[in-house]
């Protein structure tokens, strides 16, 4: 079970790194489209700016935009992480219940 916990920690670290890179990409896109003000706003409001930019990008080119594709991949990876971590937590709780 410890190997699985290490895997979950590494997977979560990877998700945070990918999320940070995605946010930097969002700031860059906002800066190139709207200038330094919107780049700065995007820097300080990450979730809101990514949602807004996702809708704008999706409206312009649909699923063809790499930004949208990477957002979908990141969201799916977060969902997988929480489902697997939740299942592992339940298994660990049941294991401790029967051992103790």
Protein backbone atom coordinates (compact mmCIF):
# COMPACT_ATOMS: atom_id res chain seq x y z
CA UNK A 1 0.00 0.00 0.00
CA UNK A 2 2.94 2.34 0.60
CA UNK A 3 4.02 2.04 -3.02
CA UNK A 4 0.55 3.07 -4.09
CA UNK A 5 0.62 6.06 -1.72
CA UNK A 6 3.94 7.16 -3.21
CA UNK A 7 2.42 6.81 -6.67
CA UNK A 8 -0.48 9.05 -5.62
CA UNK A 9 1.90 11.67 -4.21
CA UNK A 10 3.96 11.67 -7.40
CA UNK A 11 0.80 11.82 -9.52
CA UNK A 12 -0.48 14.77 -7.50
CA UNK A 13 2.85 16.57 -7.83
CA UNK A 14 2.69 16.02 -11.59
CA UNK A 15 -0.83 17.45 -11.65
CA UNK A 16 0.28 20.56 -9.76
CA UNK A 17 3.20 21.05 -12.15
CA UNK A 18 0.95 20.62 -15.19
CA UNK A 19 -1.58 22.98 -13.64
CA UNK A 20 1.11 25.59 -13.07
CA UNK A 21 2.33 25.28 -16.64
CA UNK A 22 -1.24 25.54 -17.88
CA UNK A 23 -1.71 28.69 -15.85
CA UNK A 24 1.46 30.23 -17.24
CA UNK A 25 0.18 29.42 -20.72
CA UNK A 26 -3.11 31.11 -19.84
CA UNK A 27 -1.28 34.23 -18.66
CA UNK A 28 0.78 34.27 -21.86
CA UNK A 29 -2.31 33.97 -24.06
CA UNK A 30 -4.14 36.67 -22.11
CA UNK A 31 -1.09 38.93 -22.38
CA UNK A 32 -0.73 38.43 -26.13
CA UNK A 33 -4.44 38.96 -26.78
CA UNK A 34 -5.29 41.70 -24.30
CA UNK A 35 -2.03 43.29 -23.25
CA UNK A 36 -0.22 43.59 -19.95
CA UNK A 37 -3.33 44.48 -17.91
CA UNK A 38 -5.21 41.30 -18.80
CA UNK A 39 -2.05 39.28 -18.41
CA UNK A 40 -1.71 40.62 -14.88
CA UNK A 41 -5.38 39.98 -14.13
CA UNK A 42 -4.97 36.41 -15.38
CA UNK A 43 -1.92 35.96 -13.21
CA UNK A 44 -3.81 36.82 -10.03
CA UNK A 45 -7.12 35.10 -10.84
CA UNK A 46 -6.08 31.70 -12.20
CA UNK A 47 -9.31 29.69 -12.18
CA UNK A 48 -11.52 32.50 -13.43
CA UNK A 49 -9.09 33.44 -16.19
CA UNK A 50 -8.73 29.85 -17.35
CA UNK A 51 -12.49 29.36 -17.48
CA UNK A 52 -13.01 32.62 -19.40
CA UNK A 53 -10.16 31.89 -21.80
CA UNK A 54 -11.45 28.35 -22.31
CA UNK A 55 -14.87 29.66 -23.37
CA UNK A 56 -13.30 32.27 -25.64
CA UNK A 57 -10.95 29.74 -27.20
CA UNK A 58 -13.71 27.17 -27.56
CA UNK A 59 -15.95 29.74 -29.22
CA UNK A 60 -13.23 30.63 -31.70
CA UNK A 61 -12.00 27.21 -32.75
CA UNK A 62 -13.86 24.54 -30.79
CA UNK A 63 -11.92 21.47 -29.76
CA UNK A 64 -9.26 22.16 -32.38
CA UNK A 65 -7.40 24.54 -30.06
CA UNK A 66 -4.51 22.87 -28.22
CA UNK A 67 -5.37 24.97 -25.17
CA UNK A 68 -8.80 23.35 -24.93
CA UNK A 69 -7.36 19.88 -25.46
CA UNK A 70 -4.82 20.34 -22.67
CA UNK A 71 -7.48 21.72 -20.34
CA UNK A 72 -9.60 18.65 -20.96
CA UNK A 73 -6.62 16.37 -20.30
CA UNK A 74 -5.84 18.20 -17.07
CA UNK A 75 -9.43 18.06 -15.83
CA UNK A 76 -9.69 14.35 -16.64
CA UNK A 77 -6.41 13.67 -14.80
CA UNK A 78 -7.68 15.53 -11.73
CA UNK A 79 -10.92 13.53 -11.80
CA UNK A 80 -8.97 10.27 -12.10
CA UNK A 81 -6.75 11.30 -9.21
CA UNK A 82 -9.67 12.05 -6.89
CA UNK A 83 -11.52 8.87 -7.81
CA UNK A 84 -8.44 6.68 -7.28
CA UNK A 85 -7.44 8.48 -4.08
CA UNK A 86 -10.99 8.15 -2.75
CA UNK A 87 -11.04 4.45 -3.50
CA UNK A 88 -7.64 3.99 -1.87
CA UNK A 89 -8.80 5.88 1.19
CA UNK A 90 -11.82 3.63 1.51
CA UNK A 91 -9.72 0.50 1.14
CA UNK A 92 -7.25 1.73 3.74
CA UNK A 93 -10.03 2.58 6.20
CA UNK A 94 -11.58 -0.87 5.82
CA UNK A 95 -8.18 -2.54 6.19
CA UNK A 96 -7.46 -0.67 9.42
CA UNK A 97 -10.94 -1.48 10.71
CA UNK A 98 -10.43 -5.22 10.26
CA UNK A 99 -6.87 -5.21 11.58
CA UNK A 100 -7.63 -3.19 14.69
